[in-house]
Protein backbone atom coordinates (compact mmCIF):
# COMPACT_ATOMS: atom_id res chain seq x y z
CA MET A 1 0.00 0.00 0.00
CA LYS A 2 1.48 3.31 -1.06
CA LEU A 3 0.58 5.99 1.46
CA MET A 4 3.39 8.42 0.62
CA PRO A 5 1.33 10.50 -1.87
CA PHE A 6 -1.35 10.89 0.81
CA VAL A 7 1.24 11.78 3.45
CA PHE A 8 2.76 14.30 1.05
CA GLY A 9 -0.68 15.83 0.49
CA TRP A 10 -1.26 15.94 4.24
CA VAL A 11 2.06 17.72 4.79
CA ILE A 12 1.12 20.33 2.19
CA LEU A 13 -2.26 20.79 3.90
CA LEU A 14 -0.49 21.11 7.26
CA ILE A 15 1.86 23.77 5.88
CA ILE A 16 -1.08 25.72 4.44
CA THR A 17 -2.85 25.51 7.81
CA ILE A 18 0.25 26.79 9.62
CA VAL A 19 0.68 29.67 7.15
CA VAL A 20 -2.98 30.70 7.54
CA GLY A 21 -2.56 30.51 11.34
CA ILE A 22 0.50 32.76 11.19
CA TYR A 23 -1.38 35.16 8.90
CA ARG A 24 -4.23 35.23 11.43
CA GLN A 25 -1.76 36.06 14.21
CA VAL A 26 -0.18 38.85 12.16
CA LEU A 27 -3.60 40.34 11.44
CA GLY A 28 -4.46 40.13 15.13
CA SER A 29 -1.28 41.94 16.10
CA HIS A 30 -2.40 44.94 14.00
CA GLU A 31 -5.79 45.06 15.66
CA ASP A 32 -6.43 48.18 17.71
CA GLU A 33 -8.14 47.26 20.96
CA THR A 34 -9.19 50.86 21.60
CA VAL A 35 -12.75 51.69 20.62
CA HIS A 36 -12.89 54.89 18.56
CA LEU A 37 -16.22 56.69 18.90
CA GLY A 38 -15.56 60.30 17.94
CA ALA A 39 -16.53 61.80 14.59
CA ALA A 40 -12.90 62.72 13.92
CA GLU A 41 -11.96 59.07 14.30
CA ALA A 42 -14.52 57.76 11.78
CA THR A 43 -11.80 56.50 9.43
CA LEU A 44 -10.13 54.65 12.29
CA LEU A 45 -13.46 53.07 13.20
CA SER A 46 -14.00 51.98 9.60
CA GLN A 47 -10.51 50.47 9.41
CA GLN A 48 -11.02 48.75 12.74
CA GLN A 49 -14.31 47.21 11.56
CA ARG A 50 -12.78 46.00 8.28
CA LEU A 51 -9.85 44.43 10.09
CA ALA A 52 -12.16 42.72 12.59
CA LYS A 53 -14.21 41.24 9.72
CA LYS A 54 -11.05 40.06 7.97
CA ILE A 55 -9.75 38.45 11.17
CA GLU A 56 -13.10 36.73 11.68
CA SER A 57 -13.11 35.43 8.10
CA VAL A 58 -9.54 34.14 8.30
CA GLY A 59 -10.35 32.59 11.68
CA ARG A 60 -13.27 30.68 10.14
CA TRP A 61 -11.03 29.38 7.35
CA LEU A 62 -8.42 28.41 9.92
CA LYS A 63 -10.94 26.37 11.93
CA TRP A 64 -12.00 24.48 8.79
CA LEU A 65 -8.39 23.89 7.77
CA ILE A 66 -7.50 22.57 11.22
CA ALA A 67 -10.48 20.19 11.18
CA LEU A 68 -9.64 19.02 7.65
CA THR A 69 -5.96 18.52 8.51
CA VAL A 70 -6.79 16.48 11.61
CA LEU A 71 -9.41 14.34 9.85
CA TYR A 72 -7.17 13.73 6.85
CA GLY A 73 -4.29 12.77 9.15
CA LEU A 74 -6.53 10.40 11.11
CA GLY A 75 -7.68 8.85 7.83
CA ILE A 76 -4.08 8.22 6.79
CA LEU A 77 -3.31 6.77 10.22
CA ALA A 78 -6.36 4.49 10.02
CA ALA A 79 -5.32 3.28 6.55
CA TYR A 80 -1.78 2.61 7.77
CA LEU A 81 -2.95 0.74 10.88
CA ARG A 82 -5.36 -1.33 8.77
CA HIS A 83 -2.53 -2.19 6.39
CA VAL A 84 -0.25 -3.22 9.28
CA TRP A 85 -3.03 -5.28 10.83
CA ILE A 86 -3.76 -7.12 7.56
CA GLN A 87 -0.04 -7.74 7.02
CA SER A 88 0.39 -9.15 10.52
CA ALA A 89 -2.64 -11.44 10.09
CA MET A 90 -1.20 -13.01 6.91
CA PRO A 91 0.86 -16.15 7.39
CA HIS A 92 4.50 -15.65 6.52
């Protein structure tokens, strides 16, 4: 059973997940935790709202990527364990 292409795909998915997580952290570091309410600060408020929406969107993608990475990895592990079990059950 050749699992290496699946493992390679999983590693690529893992790298993508890590990059999106780092991107999420970088976006979060630029977030201003001060609430701007004055009329003179309307542009800051608009920027703050856009950044919050972007962080929320990236966060949603990150959750899906993490779930997909974990499930895909568990699927590969299950296939490998099944292969080992079948091989050990065969008479040598």
